[in-house]
Amino acid sequence: MENKEIIFAQNINVDSIKWLLEQCADQKKVTIYLNSFGGEVSIALAFAEYIRVKKIDLHVHVLNVCMSAAVIILCAGTKRTAATNSRFLLHPIKKYFKDLDMRDDELNSQVKEFGILISAYNEIVGEVTKKTPAEIDDLCKRQTILSTTEALELGLLTQATFETELVTRSAK
């Protein structure tokens, strides 16, 4: 089985994920070299769902930064690795309202959607880290920045590369 390699070094938005999905289409095994400050959570969740439904064997390797919504892309991987100097950011999800002149029912709908995004984020991060939604919320509220070693210990990574040595989480 051939492995498709993709460099994804951009923010997460509709256009960038559309491009990424096109790269992953009809692939069974993909490696993404990730370097992203994040972006739109709902778009990252859609990508993760696509990977799950298509049963793509995804290896995500963080080159330097994996922040915000990019953590969702990382968590979509069956194998999750990072370079020594990588850093990761977990923070509260933010929702920007384009139209602040809303009726009560419109605002309630937006608040409900926001809650669904938070739950989905907590679920995908919790699945790989084995942390509860409350524990994920706590990490996010503290605007947690993690080193590669800390991300490995948390469970965000399955392996980390430290120069020529490969350290796996299961070996600890």
N, C-alpha and C. Protein backbone atom coordinates (compact mmCIF):
# COMPACT_ATOMS: atom_id res chain seq x y z
N MET A 1 0.85 -1.17 0.00
CA MET A 1 0.00 0.00 0.00
C MET A 1 0.90 1.25 0.00
N GLU A 2 0.68 2.11 -0.98
CA GLU A 2 1.48 3.32 -1.10
C GLU A 2 1.03 4.38 -0.11
N ASN A 3 1.99 5.10 0.45
CA ASN A 3 1.72 6.15 1.42
C ASN A 3 1.79 7.51 0.72
N LYS A 4 0.71 8.27 0.77
CA LYS A 4 0.68 9.62 0.21
C LYS A 4 1.20 10.57 1.28
N GLU A 5 2.20 11.40 0.95
CA GLU A 5 2.76 12.38 1.88
C GLU A 5 2.30 13.77 1.50
N ILE A 6 1.83 14.52 2.52
CA ILE A 6 1.27 15.85 2.30
C ILE A 6 1.88 16.81 3.31
N ILE A 7 2.31 17.96 2.85
CA ILE A 7 2.75 19.03 3.77
C ILE A 7 1.59 19.99 3.93
N PHE A 8 1.13 20.16 5.18
CA PHE A 8 0.03 21.08 5.48
C PHE A 8 0.57 22.13 6.45
N ALA A 9 0.94 23.28 5.91
CA ALA A 9 1.52 24.36 6.72
C ALA A 9 0.70 25.62 6.48
N GLN A 10 -0.50 25.61 7.02
CA GLN A 10 -1.40 26.75 6.85
C GLN A 10 -2.48 26.74 7.91
N ASN A 11 -3.25 27.81 7.94
CA ASN A 11 -4.37 27.88 8.86
C ASN A 11 -5.51 27.01 8.35
N ILE A 12 -6.37 26.60 9.27
CA ILE A 12 -7.47 25.72 8.94
C ILE A 12 -8.70 26.57 8.61
N ASN A 13 -9.11 26.46 7.35
CA ASN A 13 -10.31 27.16 6.88
C ASN A 13 -10.94 26.30 5.78
N VAL A 14 -12.02 26.77 5.23
CA VAL A 14 -12.73 25.98 4.21
C VAL A 14 -11.81 25.64 3.04
N ASP A 15 -11.09 26.62 2.53
CA ASP A 15 -10.24 26.38 1.36
C ASP A 15 -9.09 25.43 1.65
N SER A 16 -8.42 25.61 2.79
CA SER A 16 -7.27 24.75 3.09
C SER A 16 -7.69 23.31 3.35
N ILE A 17 -8.84 23.12 4.02
CA ILE A 17 -9.30 21.75 4.29
C ILE A 17 -9.86 21.12 3.02
N LYS A 18 -10.49 21.93 2.16
CA LYS A 18 -10.94 21.39 0.87
C LYS A 18 -9.73 20.85 0.10
N TRP A 19 -8.65 21.61 0.08
CA TRP A 19 -7.43 21.16 -0.58
C TRP A 19 -6.90 19.88 0.06
N LEU A 20 -6.88 19.85 1.39
CA LEU A 20 -6.38 18.67 2.11
C LEU A 20 -7.24 17.44 1.83
N LEU A 21 -8.56 17.63 1.80
CA LEU A 21 -9.46 16.52 1.50
C LEU A 21 -9.23 15.99 0.07
N GLU A 22 -8.98 16.90 -0.84
CA GLU A 22 -8.67 16.48 -2.22
C GLU A 22 -7.40 15.64 -2.26
N GLN A 23 -6.42 16.00 -1.45
CA GLN A 23 -5.16 15.25 -1.39
C GLN A 23 -5.37 13.86 -0.80
N CYS A 24 -6.31 13.75 0.13
CA CYS A 24 -6.56 12.48 0.82
C CYS A 24 -7.55 11.57 0.08
N ALA A 25 -8.27 12.14 -0.88
CA ALA A 25 -9.30 11.37 -1.60
C ALA A 25 -8.69 10.12 -2.23
N ASP A 26 -9.39 9.02 -2.11
CA ASP A 26 -9.00 7.73 -2.69
C ASP A 26 -7.68 7.19 -2.14
N GLN A 27 -7.26 7.67 -0.99
CA GLN A 27 -6.04 7.17 -0.36
C GLN A 27 -6.42 6.26 0.82
N LYS A 28 -5.62 5.27 1.06
CA LYS A 28 -5.82 4.39 2.22
C LYS A 28 -4.79 4.67 3.31
N LYS A 29 -3.65 5.23 2.90
CA LYS A 29 -2.57 5.50 3.85
C LYS A 29 -1.99 6.88 3.51
N VAL A 30 -2.00 7.78 4.52
CA VAL A 30 -1.58 9.16 4.31
C VAL A 30 -0.70 9.61 5.47
N THR A 31 0.35 10.37 5.16
CA THR A 31 1.15 11.05 6.17
C THR A 31 1.00 12.54 5.93
N ILE A 32 0.58 13.25 6.98
CA ILE A 32 0.49 14.71 6.91
C ILE A 32 1.58 15.29 7.78
N TYR A 33 2.42 16.13 7.19
CA TYR A 33 3.42 16.89 7.94
C TYR A 33 2.73 18.21 8.29
N LEU A 34 2.41 18.37 9.57
CA LEU A 34 1.54 19.46 10.03
C LEU A 34 2.33 20.57 10.70
N ASN A 35 2.02 21.79 10.32
CA ASN A 35 2.56 22.99 10.96
C ASN A 35 1.46 24.04 10.85
N SER A 36 0.66 24.20 11.91
CA SER A 36 -0.50 25.08 11.82
C SER A 36 -0.80 25.73 13.16
N PHE A 37 -1.16 27.01 13.06
CA PHE A 37 -1.59 27.76 14.25
C PHE A 37 -3.08 27.56 14.52
N GLY A 38 -3.76 26.77 13.71
CA GLY A 38 -5.16 26.46 13.94
C GLY A 38 -6.08 27.16 12.98
N GLY A 39 -7.30 27.40 13.43
CA GLY A 39 -8.30 28.01 12.57
C GLY A 39 -9.70 27.62 13.02
N GLU A 40 -10.52 27.25 12.05
CA GLU A 40 -11.93 26.98 12.30
C GLU A 40 -12.15 25.56 12.82
N VAL A 41 -12.68 25.48 14.04
CA VAL A 41 -12.90 24.20 14.71
C VAL A 41 -13.85 23.31 13.93
N SER A 42 -14.98 23.86 13.47
CA SER A 42 -15.97 23.04 12.78
C SER A 42 -15.39 22.43 11.50
N ILE A 43 -14.51 23.15 10.83
CA ILE A 43 -13.88 22.65 9.60
C ILE A 43 -12.91 21.52 9.94
N ALA A 44 -12.13 21.69 11.01
CA ALA A 44 -11.20 20.64 11.45
C ALA A 44 -11.96 19.38 11.86
N LEU A 45 -13.10 19.55 12.52
CA LEU A 45 -13.92 18.40 12.92
C LEU A 45 -14.45 17.66 11.70
N ALA A 46 -14.82 18.40 10.66
CA ALA A 46 -15.29 17.77 9.42
C ALA A 46 -14.19 16.92 8.80
N PHE A 47 -12.96 17.44 8.81
CA PHE A 47 -11.83 16.68 8.28
C PHE A 47 -11.64 15.39 9.08
N ALA A 48 -11.66 15.49 10.40
CA ALA A 48 -11.47 14.31 11.26
C ALA A 48 -12.55 13.27 10.99
N GLU A 49 -13.77 13.72 10.80
CA GLU A 49 -14.87 12.80 10.51
C GLU A 49 -14.67 12.10 9.16
N TYR A 50 -14.20 12.83 8.17
CA TYR A 50 -13.91 12.25 6.86
C TYR A 50 -12.87 11.14 6.98
N ILE A 51 -11.81 11.41 7.72
CA ILE A 51 -10.74 10.42 7.92
C ILE A 51 -11.31 9.17 8.59
N ARG A 52 -12.17 9.37 9.59
CA ARG A 52 -12.77 8.24 10.32
C ARG A 52 -13.68 7.42 9.41
N VAL A 53 -14.57 8.09 8.68
CA VAL A 53 -15.53 7.40 7.83
C VAL A 53 -14.83 6.65 6.69
N LYS A 54 -13.82 7.26 6.11
CA LYS A 54 -13.09 6.64 4.99
C LYS A 54 -12.07 5.60 5.46
N LYS A 55 -11.89 5.50 6.79
CA LYS A 55 -10.95 4.54 7.38
C LYS A 55 -9.54 4.69 6.81
N ILE A 56 -9.10 5.93 6.73
CA ILE A 56 -7.76 6.22 6.22
C ILE A 56 -6.75 6.02 7.35
N ASP A 57 -5.70 5.28 7.07
CA ASP A 57 -4.61 5.09 8.02
C ASP A 57 -3.78 6.37 7.97
N LEU A 58 -4.02 7.26 8.92
CA LEU A 58 -3.41 8.59 8.90
C LEU A 58 -2.31 8.72 9.93
N HIS A 59 -1.13 9.10 9.45
CA HIS A 59 0.00 9.44 10.32
C HIS A 59 0.14 10.96 10.24
N VAL A 60 0.04 11.63 11.38
CA VAL A 60 0.24 13.08 11.44
C VAL A 60 1.54 13.33 12.18
N HIS A 61 2.46 14.03 11.51
CA HIS A 61 3.74 14.38 12.12
C HIS A 61 3.81 15.90 12.24
N VAL A 62 3.91 16.39 13.47
CA VAL A 62 3.98 17.83 13.72
C VAL A 62 5.43 18.28 13.51
N LEU A 63 5.59 19.26 12.64
CA LEU A 63 6.92 19.78 12.33
C LEU A 63 7.38 20.82 13.35
N ASN A 64 6.45 21.66 13.83
CA ASN A 64 6.84 22.71 14.77
C ASN A 64 5.68 23.16 15.64
N VAL A 65 4.57 23.60 15.04
CA VAL A 65 3.43 24.06 15.84
C VAL A 65 2.16 23.31 15.47
N CYS A 66 1.40 23.02 16.51
CA CYS A 66 0.09 22.37 16.37
C CYS A 66 -0.80 23.04 17.42
N MET A 67 -1.49 24.06 16.99
CA MET A 67 -2.23 24.86 17.95
C MET A 67 -3.71 24.92 17.61
N SER A 68 -4.49 25.10 18.65
CA SER A 68 -5.91 25.37 18.50
C SER A 68 -6.58 24.25 17.69
N ALA A 69 -7.27 24.59 16.60
CA ALA A 69 -8.00 23.60 15.80
C ALA A 69 -7.08 22.57 15.15
N ALA A 70 -5.80 22.88 15.01
CA ALA A 70 -4.85 21.92 14.43
C ALA A 70 -4.73 20.68 15.31
N VAL A 71 -5.00 20.82 16.60
CA VAL A 71 -4.96 19.67 17.52
C VAL A 71 -5.98 18.62 17.07
N ILE A 72 -7.10 19.07 16.49
CA ILE A 72 -8.12 18.14 15.99
C ILE A 72 -7.56 17.33 14.82
N ILE A 73 -6.84 18.00 13.93
CA ILE A 73 -6.21 17.30 12.80
C ILE A 73 -5.24 16.25 13.34
N LEU A 74 -4.45 16.64 14.34
CA LEU A 74 -3.52 15.70 14.97
C LEU A 74 -4.26 14.49 15.53
N CYS A 75 -5.33 14.75 16.27
CA CYS A 75 -6.07 13.67 16.92
C CYS A 75 -6.76 12.74 15.94
N ALA A 76 -6.93 13.16 14.69
CA ALA A 76 -7.54 12.31 13.67
C ALA A 76 -6.58 11.19 13.24
N GLY A 77 -5.31 11.34 13.57
CA GLY A 77 -4.31 10.37 13.16
C GLY A 77 -4.31 9.10 13.99
N THR A 78 -4.09 7.98 13.33
CA THR A 78 -3.91 6.72 14.05
C THR A 78 -2.50 6.66 14.62
N LYS A 79 -1.58 7.35 13.95
CA LYS A 79 -0.21 7.52 14.44
C LYS A 79 0.02 9.01 14.51
N ARG A 80 0.50 9.48 15.69
CA ARG A 80 0.68 10.92 15.91
C ARG A 80 2.08 11.15 16.47
N THR A 81 2.93 11.80 15.67
CA THR A 81 4.32 12.02 16.06
C THR A 81 4.66 13.50 15.96
N ALA A 82 5.80 13.87 16.53
CA ALA A 82 6.23 15.27 16.49
C ALA A 82 7.74 15.38 16.60
N ALA A 83 8.25 16.45 16.04
CA ALA A 83 9.67 16.78 16.17
C ALA A 83 9.94 17.28 17.60
N THR A 84 11.17 17.22 18.00
CA THR A 84 11.59 17.59 19.35
C THR A 84 11.12 18.97 19.79
N ASN A 85 11.25 19.95 18.92
CA ASN A 85 10.98 21.34 19.31
C ASN A 85 9.53 21.76 19.09
N SER A 86 8.64 20.83 18.84
CA SER A 86 7.25 21.17 18.58
C SER A 86 6.56 21.68 19.83
N ARG A 87 5.49 22.45 19.60
CA ARG A 87 4.67 22.90 20.71
C ARG A 87 3.20 22.84 20.31
N PHE A 88 2.38 22.68 21.32
CA PHE A 88 0.96 22.42 21.13
C PHE A 88 0.17 23.37 22.02
N LEU A 89 -0.97 23.83 21.55
CA LEU A 89 -1.80 24.75 22.34
C LEU A 89 -3.22 24.23 22.42
N LEU A 90 -3.69 24.08 23.64
CA LEU A 90 -5.10 23.79 23.91
C LEU A 90 -5.67 25.04 24.57
N HIS A 91 -6.75 25.58 24.02
CA HIS A 91 -7.35 26.78 24.60
C HIS A 91 -8.86 26.73 24.40
N PRO A 92 -9.60 27.58 25.11
CA PRO A 92 -11.06 27.58 24.94
C PRO A 92 -11.44 27.90 23.49
N ILE A 93 -12.46 27.23 23.01
CA ILE A 93 -12.97 27.50 21.67
C ILE A 93 -13.65 28.86 21.70
N LYS A 94 -13.40 29.64 20.65
CA LYS A 94 -14.00 30.96 20.54
C LYS A 94 -15.02 30.95 19.42
N LYS A 95 -16.08 31.68 19.63
CA LYS A 95 -17.14 31.80 18.61
C LYS A 95 -17.32 33.28 18.31
N TYR A 96 -17.19 33.61 17.03
CA TYR A 96 -17.39 34.99 16.60
C TYR A 96 -18.74 35.09 15.90
N PHE A 97 -19.53 36.05 16.33
CA PHE A 97 -20.83 36.26 15.73
C PHE A 97 -20.74 37.37 14.70
N LYS A 98 -21.06 37.03 13.45
CA LYS A 98 -21.00 38.01 12.38
C LYS A 98 -22.11 39.05 12.52
N ASP A 99 -23.26 38.60 12.97
CA ASP A 99 -24.42 39.48 13.09
C ASP A 99 -24.83 39.56 14.56
N LEU A 100 -24.44 40.64 15.20
CA LEU A 100 -24.76 40.77 16.62
C LEU A 100 -26.20 41.24 16.86
N ASP A 101 -26.91 41.60 15.80
CA ASP A 101 -28.30 42.01 15.90
C ASP A 101 -29.18 40.78 15.67
N MET A 102 -29.30 39.92 16.73
CA MET A 102 -30.02 38.66 16.60
C MET A 102 -31.23 38.64 17.52
N ARG A 103 -32.22 37.87 17.08
CA ARG A 103 -33.37 37.59 17.93
C ARG A 103 -32.94 36.57 18.99
N ASP A 104 -33.73 36.43 20.05
CA ASP A 104 -33.42 35.47 21.11
C ASP A 104 -33.26 34.05 20.57
N ASP A 105 -34.17 33.63 19.68
CA ASP A 105 -34.10 32.26 19.17
C ASP A 105 -32.84 32.04 18.33
N GLU A 106 -32.41 33.08 17.59
CA GLU A 106 -31.18 32.96 16.80
C GLU A 106 -29.96 32.85 17.72
N LEU A 107 -29.95 33.65 18.77
CA LEU A 107 -28.85 33.60 19.73
C LEU A 107 -28.81 32.25 20.43
N ASN A 108 -29.98 31.75 20.84
CA ASN A 108 -30.05 30.44 21.49
C ASN A 108 -29.54 29.34 20.57
N SER A 109 -29.86 29.44 19.29
CA SER A 109 -29.38 28.47 18.32
C SER A 109 -27.86 28.51 18.20
N GLN A 110 -27.30 29.71 18.18
CA GLN A 110 -25.85 29.86 18.10
C GLN A 110 -25.16 29.30 19.35
N VAL A 111 -25.75 29.54 20.51
CA VAL A 111 -25.20 29.03 21.77
C VAL A 111 -25.24 27.50 21.77
N LYS A 112 -26.34 26.93 21.26
CA LYS A 112 -26.45 25.47 21.19
C LYS A 112 -25.37 24.90 20.26
N GLU A 113 -25.18 25.54 19.10
CA GLU A 113 -24.15 25.09 18.16
C GLU A 113 -22.77 25.17 18.80
N PHE A 114 -22.53 26.22 19.55
CA PHE A 114 -21.24 26.40 20.25
C PHE A 114 -21.01 25.25 21.23
N GLY A 115 -22.04 24.88 21.97
CA GLY A 115 -21.94 23.76 22.91
C GLY A 115 -21.63 22.45 22.21
N ILE A 116 -22.21 22.24 21.02
CA ILE A 116 -21.95 21.03 20.24
C ILE A 116 -20.49 20.99 19.80
N LEU A 117 -19.94 22.14 19.37
CA LEU A 117 -18.53 22.21 18.97
C LEU A 117 -17.62 21.85 20.14
N ILE A 118 -17.91 22.40 21.31
CA ILE A 118 -17.09 22.12 22.49
C ILE A 118 -17.15 20.63 22.82
N SER A 119 -18.34 20.05 22.78
CA SER A 119 -18.48 18.61 23.07
C SER A 119 -17.72 17.76 22.07
N ALA A 120 -17.80 18.11 20.79
CA ALA A 120 -17.09 17.35 19.76
C ALA A 120 -15.58 17.46 19.93
N TYR A 121 -15.10 18.66 20.25
CA TYR A 121 -13.67 18.86 20.50
C TYR A 121 -13.22 18.02 21.69
N ASN A 122 -13.97 18.11 22.79
CA ASN A 122 -13.63 17.33 23.99
C ASN A 122 -13.64 15.83 23.71
N GLU A 123 -14.55 15.39 22.86
CA GLU A 123 -14.65 13.96 22.55
C GLU A 123 -13.43 13.49 21.76
N ILE A 124 -13.06 14.23 20.72
CA ILE A 124 -11.93 13.76 19.89
C ILE A 124 -10.61 13.86 20.64
N VAL A 125 -10.41 14.92 21.42
CA VAL A 125 -9.17 15.04 22.21
C VAL A 125 -9.19 14.02 23.35
N GLY A 126 -10.34 13.84 23.98
CA GLY A 126 -10.48 12.88 25.06
C GLY A 126 -10.26 11.45 24.61
N GLU A 127 -10.66 11.15 23.39
CA GLU A 127 -10.49 9.80 22.86
C GLU A 127 -9.02 9.38 22.79
N VAL A 128 -8.15 10.29 22.37
CA VAL A 128 -6.73 9.93 22.25
C VAL A 128 -5.97 10.10 23.57
N THR A 129 -6.42 11.02 24.42
CA THR A 129 -5.70 11.28 25.67
C THR A 129 -6.25 10.47 26.84
N LYS A 130 -7.44 9.89 26.65
CA LYS A 130 -8.14 9.16 27.72
C LYS A 130 -8.50 10.08 28.89
N LYS A 131 -8.72 11.35 28.58
CA LYS A 131 -9.13 12.34 29.58
C LYS A 131 -10.63 12.57 29.47
N THR A 132 -11.25 12.94 30.58
CA THR A 132 -12.68 13.23 30.60
C THR A 132 -12.93 14.61 29.97
N PRO A 133 -14.17 14.88 29.57
CA PRO A 133 -14.49 16.21 29.06
C PRO A 133 -14.14 17.32 30.06
N ALA A 134 -14.35 17.07 31.34
CA ALA A 134 -14.01 18.07 32.36
C ALA A 134 -12.51 18.33 32.40
N GLU A 135 -11.71 17.26 32.26
CA GLU A 135 -10.25 17.42 32.25
C GLU A 135 -9.77 18.18 31.00
N ILE A 136 -10.40 17.90 29.86
CA ILE A 136 -10.06 18.63 28.63
C ILE A 136 -10.44 20.09 28.79
N ASP A 137 -11.64 20.35 29.33
CA ASP A 137 -12.07 21.73 29.59
C ASP A 137 -11.07 22.47 30.46
N ASP A 138 -10.58 21.79 31.50
CA ASP A 138 -9.62 22.42 32.42
C ASP A 138 -8.31 22.77 31.70
N LEU A 139 -7.82 21.85 30.87
CA LEU A 139 -6.61 22.13 30.10
C LEU A 139 -6.81 23.32 29.18
N CYS A 140 -7.97 23.38 28.54
CA CYS A 140 -8.26 24.48 27.62
C CYS A 140 -8.41 25.81 28.36
N LYS A 141 -9.09 25.80 29.47
CA LYS A 141 -9.29 27.05 30.23
C LYS A 141 -7.97 27.65 30.69
N ARG A 142 -6.98 26.80 30.93
CA ARG A 142 -5.67 27.29 31.37
C ARG A 142 -4.78 27.69 30.19
N GLN A 143 -5.32 27.65 28.95
CA GLN A 143 -4.53 27.98 27.76
C GLN A 143 -3.22 27.20 27.80
N THR A 144 -3.32 25.90 27.81
CA THR A 144 -2.18 25.02 28.01
C THR A 144 -1.29 24.94 26.77
N ILE A 145 -0.02 25.31 26.95
CA ILE A 145 0.98 25.12 25.91
C ILE A 145 1.85 23.94 26.34
N LEU A 146 1.98 22.97 25.44
CA LEU A 146 2.72 21.75 25.76
C LEU A 146 3.96 21.61 24.88
N SER A 147 5.00 21.07 25.47
CA SER A 147 6.18 20.67 24.70
C SER A 147 5.90 19.31 24.08
N THR A 148 6.80 18.83 23.26
CA THR A 148 6.65 17.50 22.66
C THR A 148 6.57 16.43 23.75
N THR A 149 7.44 16.53 24.75
CA THR A 149 7.43 15.55 25.84
C THR A 149 6.10 15.58 26.58
N GLU A 150 5.59 16.77 26.88
CA GLU A 150 4.31 16.89 27.59
C GLU A 150 3.15 16.38 26.74
N ALA A 151 3.19 16.63 25.43
CA ALA A 151 2.14 16.12 24.54
C ALA A 151 2.16 14.59 24.48
N LEU A 152 3.35 14.02 24.52
CA LEU A 152 3.50 12.56 24.55
C LEU A 152 2.93 12.00 25.85
N GLU A 153 3.28 12.63 26.97
CA GLU A 153 2.78 12.19 28.28
C GLU A 153 1.27 12.31 28.38
N LEU A 154 0.70 13.37 27.79
CA LEU A 154 -0.75 13.57 27.81
C LEU A 154 -1.47 12.55 26.94
N GLY A 155 -0.80 12.06 25.89
CA GLY A 155 -1.42 11.12 24.99
C GLY A 155 -1.80 11.72 23.64
N LEU A 156 -1.49 13.00 23.44
CA LEU A 156 -1.74 13.59 22.13
C LEU A 156 -0.88 12.93 21.06
N LEU A 157 0.31 12.48 21.46
CA LEU A 157 1.24 11.83 20.55
C LEU A 157 1.34 10.35 20.88
N THR A 158 1.57 9.56 19.85
CA THR A 158 1.88 8.14 20.06
C THR A 158 3.39 7.93 20.10
N GLN A 159 4.14 8.84 19.44
CA GLN A 159 5.60 8.77 19.43
C GLN A 159 6.16 10.18 19.28
N ALA A 160 7.39 10.33 19.72
CA ALA A 160 8.08 11.61 19.55
C ALA A 160 9.50 11.33 19.08
N THR A 161 9.99 12.17 18.19
CA THR A 161 11.36 12.00 17.70
C THR A 161 12.27 12.95 18.44
N PHE A 162 13.26 12.40 19.10
CA PHE A 162 14.28 13.19 19.78
C PHE A 162 15.60 12.85 19.12
N GLU A 163 15.97 13.68 18.18
CA GLU A 163 17.14 13.48 17.33
C GLU A 163 17.06 12.12 16.67
N THR A 164 17.91 11.17 16.99
CA THR A 164 17.87 9.87 16.32
C THR A 164 17.08 8.83 17.11
N GLU A 165 16.58 9.22 18.26
CA GLU A 165 15.91 8.28 19.14
C GLU A 165 14.39 8.45 19.02
N LEU A 166 13.66 7.35 18.92
CA LEU A 166 12.22 7.38 18.86
C LEU A 166 11.67 6.89 20.19
N VAL A 167 10.90 7.74 20.85
CA VAL A 167 10.33 7.40 22.14
C VAL A 167 8.85 7.17 21.96
N THR A 168 8.35 6.04 22.43
CA THR A 168 6.92 5.77 22.30
C THR A 168 6.25 5.90 23.66
N ARG A 169 4.98 6.28 23.62
CA ARG A 169 4.22 6.46 24.84
C ARG A 169 4.09 5.13 25.60
N SER A 170 3.92 4.04 24.87
CA SER A 170 3.73 2.75 25.51
C SER A 170 4.99 2.27 26.24
N ALA A 171 6.14 2.81 25.88
CA ALA A 171 7.39 2.41 26.53
C ALA A 171 7.56 3.06 27.90
N LYS A 172 6.75 4.07 28.19
CA LYS A 172 6.88 4.78 29.48
C LYS A 172 6.15 4.09 30.57
